[in-house]
Structures are given as C-alpha cells and as structure tokens.
Amino acid sequence: MKPPQKLWPELLTESLAFSLLVTSVVLLWRNNLLLFAVALAECMLGLSLWHDRLSVSFFLIIAILGTLAEAVFVRFGIWHYANPTWLGIPLWFPVAFGTTGLIGARLARTVAATWEKASPS
C-alpha cells in the first residue's frame, strides 16, 4: 500500500486518464481508425503506468466481456452505434472499454486506500 501522501497524485492521474479517454471518444467517434489508434495509445500508456497482473486482468476481462455484451445488445436491437465496424460495434470499443475497466479498477483501489488511510485506527 502506498503512503497517504502518494494516494492523491495517483487519484489525480487516474482521473485525468479517464477524462482523456472520454474526451477522445467524444471528439473522435466519427473516425473509427483514428479513435482506435488513440485509444490503443492511451491503453498502452495506462498499462505502462499500471502493469501489475490485476490491472492487466481487469483490462482483458472487461474488454472481452464488455464487447461480448455489446454485440448481444446491438444484435437484439437494444441500442446501436452511429459508426459501427464489426458486429455492430465500432473498432475502438473493445480497447476503450477495456481501458475504462483498467482505469476504473485503479480508481477503486486508490479510493479504497484513501478511505483506509483516512479512517481512525
């Protein structure tokens, strides 16, 4: 566990990573190939920062399960994407969704550690 003074910069880094990913999707969703490349670069940056086994597992599990769920939802008409590439899903979706899982897992761990340090012993 990191010392308390290192938790806040970690929380800021994770929040900025999430904000960057969301902004990328909002601005680039019309260009699947460009957004795929940007999301992949953001994913690689995230994995270079947080490359423990648990973080990589979160990325892979969320990317795979999220993509499978999206394919089912799109197939049954629950919703659709404006710019699909394959199975009704944009090319960038698995990478962006997996990266969101990676960042979300890191955020949850950091918030839990912050709460742990803040609670009276």
Protein backbone atom coordinates (compact mmCIF):
# COMPACT_ATOMS: atom_id res chain seq x y z
CA MET A 1 0.00 0.00 0.00
CA LYS A 2 1.28 3.45 -0.89
CA PRO A 3 1.82 6.10 1.79
CA PRO A 4 -1.10 8.56 2.13
CA GLN A 5 0.79 11.45 0.52
CA LYS A 6 1.18 9.40 -2.69
CA LEU A 7 -2.50 8.47 -2.97
CA TRP A 8 -3.78 11.88 -4.05
CA PRO A 9 -1.40 12.21 -7.04
CA GLU A 10 -2.40 8.67 -8.04
CA LEU A 11 -6.08 9.61 -7.80
CA LEU A 12 -5.42 12.67 -9.96
CA THR A 13 -3.51 10.62 -12.56
CA GLU A 14 -6.32 8.06 -12.79
CA SER A 15 -8.98 10.77 -13.05
CA LEU A 16 -7.04 12.52 -15.82
CA ALA A 17 -6.59 9.23 -17.68
CA PHE A 18 -10.34 8.63 -17.57
CA SER A 19 -11.07 12.21 -18.68
CA LEU A 20 -8.64 11.87 -21.59
CA LEU A 21 -10.28 8.65 -22.75
CA VAL A 22 -13.79 10.10 -22.54
CA THR A 23 -12.70 13.25 -24.38
CA SER A 24 -11.06 11.16 -27.10
CA VAL A 25 -14.26 9.18 -27.68
CA VAL A 26 -16.42 12.32 -27.71
CA LEU A 27 -14.17 14.11 -30.20
CA LEU A 28 -13.09 11.23 -32.46
CA TRP A 29 -16.01 8.74 -32.62
CA ARG A 30 -16.69 9.53 -36.28
CA ASN A 31 -13.26 8.21 -37.30
CA ASN A 32 -13.03 4.60 -36.12
CA LEU A 33 -9.43 4.02 -37.18
CA LEU A 34 -8.11 7.23 -35.62
CA LEU A 35 -10.01 6.64 -32.38
CA PHE A 36 -8.78 3.03 -32.29
CA ALA A 37 -5.17 4.27 -32.58
CA VAL A 38 -5.68 6.96 -29.91
CA ALA A 39 -7.49 4.55 -27.53
CA LEU A 40 -4.75 1.96 -28.07
CA ALA A 41 -2.07 4.56 -27.25
CA GLU A 42 -3.97 5.55 -24.12
CA CYS A 43 -4.32 1.87 -23.20
CA MET A 44 -0.59 1.28 -23.66
CA LEU A 45 0.15 4.34 -21.53
CA GLY A 46 -2.19 3.05 -18.82
CA LEU A 47 -0.66 -0.41 -18.91
CA SER A 48 2.83 1.09 -18.72
CA LEU A 49 1.78 3.01 -15.59
CA TRP A 50 -0.22 0.17 -14.04
CA HIS A 51 1.19 -3.10 -15.27
CA ASP A 52 0.59 -5.45 -12.38
CA ARG A 53 -1.22 -8.70 -13.01
CA LEU A 54 -4.50 -7.45 -11.55
CA SER A 55 -4.57 -4.36 -13.80
CA VAL A 56 -3.87 -6.37 -16.95
CA SER A 57 -6.56 -8.86 -15.89
CA PHE A 58 -9.11 -6.07 -15.43
CA PHE A 59 -8.30 -4.72 -18.88
CA LEU A 60 -8.66 -8.09 -20.61
CA ILE A 61 -11.76 -9.27 -18.76
CA ILE A 62 -13.65 -6.00 -19.18
CA ALA A 63 -12.60 -5.66 -22.85
CA ILE A 64 -13.77 -9.19 -23.69
CA LEU A 65 -16.93 -9.34 -21.58
CA GLY A 66 -17.94 -5.77 -22.42
CA THR A 67 -17.52 -6.40 -26.14
CA LEU A 68 -19.50 -9.64 -25.99
CA ALA A 69 -22.30 -7.93 -24.08
CA GLU A 70 -22.35 -5.02 -26.54
CA ALA A 71 -22.53 -7.40 -29.50
CA VAL A 72 -25.56 -9.11 -27.93
CA PHE A 73 -27.25 -5.81 -27.06
CA VAL A 74 -26.73 -4.43 -30.56
CA ARG A 75 -27.83 -7.71 -32.18
CA PHE A 76 -31.13 -7.67 -30.28
CA GLY A 77 -31.76 -4.01 -31.07
CA ILE A 78 -31.40 -2.67 -27.55
CA TRP A 79 -29.25 0.11 -28.99
CA HIS A 80 -26.98 0.79 -31.91
CA TYR A 81 -23.81 2.68 -32.69
CA ALA A 82 -23.76 5.51 -35.20
CA ASN A 83 -20.49 4.31 -36.75
CA PRO A 84 -20.19 0.51 -36.35
CA THR A 85 -17.32 -1.52 -37.81
CA TRP A 86 -17.86 -5.17 -36.83
CA LEU A 87 -20.82 -6.95 -35.21
CA GLY A 88 -22.49 -3.54 -34.94
CA ILE A 89 -19.70 -2.25 -32.70
CA PRO A 90 -17.03 0.33 -33.53
CA LEU A 91 -13.46 -0.92 -33.90
CA TRP A 92 -12.28 1.16 -30.95
CA PHE A 93 -14.89 -0.15 -28.49
CA PRO A 94 -13.02 -3.17 -27.00
CA VAL A 95 -9.87 -1.14 -26.36
CA ALA A 96 -11.74 1.85 -24.93
CA PHE A 97 -13.99 -0.33 -22.78
CA GLY A 98 -11.04 -2.39 -21.51
CA THR A 99 -9.11 0.79 -20.75
CA THR A 100 -12.10 2.11 -18.84
CA GLY A 101 -12.07 -1.12 -16.81
CA LEU A 102 -8.35 -0.70 -16.16
CA ILE A 103 -8.77 2.90 -15.02
CA GLY A 104 -11.90 2.09 -13.01
CA ALA A 105 -10.14 -0.72 -11.17
CA ARG A 106 -7.21 1.55 -10.36
CA LEU A 107 -9.55 4.33 -9.20
CA ALA A 108 -11.45 1.91 -6.96
CA ARG A 109 -8.23 0.64 -5.40
CA THR A 110 -6.91 4.17 -4.84
CA VAL A 111 -10.20 5.42 -3.34
CA ALA A 112 -10.33 2.37 -1.05
CA ALA A 113 -6.74 3.01 0.05
CA THR A 114 -7.55 6.69 0.66
CA TRP A 115 -10.54 5.74 2.81
CA GLU A 116 -8.43 3.19 4.66
CA LYS A 117 -5.81 5.82 5.47
CA ALA A 118 -8.47 8.37 6.48
CA SER A 119 -10.33 6.07 8.89
CA PRO A 120 -9.30 6.20 12.54
CA SER A 121 -7.13 3.32 13.70
